[in-house]
Amino acid sequence: MNKRIRSLVVVLFVTVMMSFTAFAQTNMEAEALAKVNQIRIANGLSEVKYSAALENAASVRAEEITYKFSHTRANGSDWYTVNPDIMYGENLAEGYNSADEVVNAWMNSESHRANILRSDFTTCSISTTTKNGRTYWAQEFGI
């Protein structure tokens, strides 16, 4: 009986820890989107709105770049083929552990900055995934 209780406690502990990790990633993604919107407003642009459809695409791309870090997908197709009807811009990053770090890196890159400050982008989603202790970021934009 003691062994069974111990096993249940371990399962419960692991479940709770996984929940906190998922929440932290979701919180980190929301924080990055908020920072992007602060930058857009400071530059006279409107905020980009969160998009659930782009979130699905960003999740796919975040997972894909853990295997091949590229705007070209592993099957050789372009990044936007995840959902070509809604995807119009993409920023990727690897190894940044906070929203501040990744948004600063994107803003210090001419092409990533251009995506963040592109006036016709109206929707956005950011997804992260972690593999081997490294965080991978996919930011997808729509119009």
Protein backbone atom coordinates (compact mmCIF):
# COMPACT_ATOMS: atom_id res chain seq x y z
CA MET A 1 0.00 0.00 0.00
CA ASN A 2 2.83 2.39 0.85
CA LYS A 3 4.38 1.77 -2.57
CA ARG A 4 1.08 2.58 -4.27
CA ILE A 5 0.69 5.88 -2.38
CA ARG A 6 4.26 6.81 -3.20
CA SER A 7 3.61 6.09 -6.88
CA LEU A 8 0.49 8.26 -6.84
CA VAL A 9 2.40 11.11 -5.19
CA VAL A 10 5.11 10.90 -7.87
CA VAL A 11 2.53 10.93 -10.67
CA LEU A 12 0.75 13.89 -9.08
CA PHE A 13 4.02 15.79 -8.65
CA VAL A 14 5.05 15.23 -12.28
CA THR A 15 1.60 16.31 -13.51
CA VAL A 16 1.70 19.51 -11.46
CA MET A 17 5.24 20.34 -12.63
CA MET A 18 4.26 19.80 -16.27
CA SER A 19 1.29 22.12 -15.78
CA PHE A 20 3.55 24.85 -14.42
CA THR A 21 5.92 24.44 -17.36
CA ALA A 22 3.07 24.75 -19.86
CA PHE A 23 1.75 27.81 -18.04
CA ALA A 24 5.19 29.41 -17.99
CA GLN A 25 5.57 28.96 -21.73
CA THR A 26 2.11 30.35 -22.38
CA ASN A 27 2.89 33.29 -20.11
CA MET A 28 6.25 33.84 -21.85
CA GLU A 29 4.55 33.87 -25.25
CA ALA A 30 1.90 36.35 -24.07
CA GLU A 31 4.62 38.56 -22.59
CA ALA A 32 6.51 38.55 -25.90
CA LEU A 33 3.35 39.53 -27.79
CA ALA A 34 2.72 42.34 -25.30
CA LYS A 35 6.28 43.61 -25.82
CA VAL A 36 5.83 43.50 -29.60
CA ASN A 37 2.66 45.57 -29.23
CA GLN A 38 4.44 48.10 -26.99
CA ILE A 39 7.06 48.53 -29.71
CA ARG A 40 4.43 48.88 -32.42
CA ILE A 41 2.53 51.54 -30.45
CA ALA A 42 5.78 53.42 -29.73
CA ASN A 43 6.34 53.47 -33.51
CA GLY A 44 2.88 54.82 -34.30
CA LEU A 45 1.39 51.48 -35.37
CA SER A 46 -1.68 49.64 -34.16
CA GLU A 47 -1.37 46.53 -32.03
CA VAL A 48 -1.44 43.11 -33.62
CA LYS A 49 -4.23 40.95 -32.25
CA TYR A 50 -3.76 37.39 -31.01
CA SER A 51 -4.93 34.79 -33.54
CA ALA A 52 -5.82 31.23 -32.52
CA ALA A 53 -5.36 30.08 -36.12
CA LEU A 54 -1.86 31.56 -36.17
CA GLU A 55 -1.21 29.95 -32.78
CA ASN A 56 -1.77 26.54 -34.34
CA ALA A 57 0.61 27.41 -37.18
CA ALA A 58 3.20 28.85 -34.77
CA SER A 59 3.04 25.67 -32.68
CA VAL A 60 3.73 23.56 -35.76
CA ARG A 61 6.64 25.78 -36.78
CA ALA A 62 8.12 25.90 -33.25
CA GLU A 63 8.15 22.12 -33.18
CA GLU A 64 9.56 21.85 -36.73
CA ILE A 65 12.51 24.14 -36.03
CA THR A 66 13.69 21.88 -33.22
CA TYR A 67 14.67 19.44 -36.00
CA LYS A 68 15.68 21.88 -38.75
CA PHE A 69 16.14 25.54 -37.84
CA SER A 70 15.11 27.20 -41.07
CA HIS A 71 12.33 29.12 -42.76
CA THR A 72 12.22 26.15 -45.14
CA ARG A 73 10.30 23.22 -43.72
CA ALA A 74 11.87 19.76 -43.40
CA ASN A 75 9.90 18.56 -46.44
CA GLY A 76 11.45 21.37 -48.54
CA SER A 77 8.34 23.55 -48.69
CA ASP A 78 8.20 27.18 -47.61
CA TRP A 79 7.34 28.15 -44.02
CA TYR A 80 3.95 29.62 -44.91
CA THR A 81 2.66 26.32 -46.31
CA VAL A 82 1.61 25.36 -42.77
CA ASN A 83 -1.43 27.57 -43.43
CA PRO A 84 -0.98 29.65 -46.60
CA ASP A 85 -4.33 31.39 -46.22
CA ILE A 86 -3.30 33.28 -43.07
CA MET A 87 0.51 33.28 -42.74
CA TYR A 88 2.28 36.34 -44.15
CA GLY A 89 5.37 36.84 -41.98
CA GLU A 90 7.56 34.73 -39.73
CA ASN A 91 10.24 35.36 -37.12
CA LEU A 92 12.14 32.46 -35.60
CA ALA A 93 14.59 32.29 -32.71
CA GLU A 94 16.52 29.68 -30.78
CA GLY A 95 18.10 29.72 -27.35
CA TYR A 96 16.43 32.75 -25.79
CA ASN A 97 14.92 32.08 -22.37
CA SER A 98 12.71 35.13 -21.89
CA ALA A 99 10.38 37.40 -23.80
CA ASP A 100 12.76 40.33 -23.28
CA GLU A 101 15.68 38.43 -24.77
CA VAL A 102 13.87 37.19 -27.86
CA VAL A 103 12.09 40.47 -28.67
CA ASN A 104 15.37 42.39 -28.23
CA ALA A 105 17.09 39.95 -30.59
CA TRP A 106 14.33 40.32 -33.18
CA MET A 107 14.48 44.10 -32.93
CA ASN A 108 18.26 44.02 -33.47
CA SER A 109 17.81 42.11 -36.73
CA GLU A 110 16.77 44.17 -39.76
CA SER A 111 14.46 41.55 -41.28
CA HIS A 112 12.83 40.53 -37.99
CA ARG A 113 12.37 44.18 -37.02
CA ALA A 114 10.73 44.82 -40.39
CA ASN A 115 8.17 42.09 -39.68
CA ILE A 116 7.39 43.47 -36.22
CA LEU A 117 6.97 47.00 -37.61
CA ARG A 118 5.11 46.08 -40.80
CA SER A 119 1.98 48.21 -40.77
CA ASP A 120 -0.30 45.84 -42.68
CA PHE A 121 0.17 42.99 -40.21
CA THR A 122 -2.90 42.88 -37.97
CA THR A 123 -2.67 39.48 -36.27
CA CYS A 124 0.12 37.58 -34.57
CA SER A 125 0.86 34.56 -32.46
CA ILE A 126 4.01 33.36 -30.77
CA SER A 127 4.69 29.78 -29.79
CA THR A 128 7.60 28.20 -27.95
CA THR A 129 8.81 24.69 -27.45
CA THR A 130 11.79 23.32 -25.58
CA LYS A 131 14.06 20.52 -26.70
CA ASN A 132 17.28 19.43 -25.00
CA GLY A 133 17.08 22.44 -22.71
CA ARG A 134 16.87 24.99 -25.56
CA THR A 135 13.85 27.17 -26.21
CA TYR A 136 12.64 27.59 -29.79
CA TRP A 137 10.37 30.49 -30.78
CA ALA A 138 8.07 30.91 -33.77
CA GLN A 139 6.29 34.22 -34.32
CA GLU A 140 3.71 34.21 -37.11
CA PHE A 141 2.00 37.29 -38.58
CA GLY A 142 -1.20 37.69 -40.55
CA ILE A 143 -3.13 40.47 -42.25
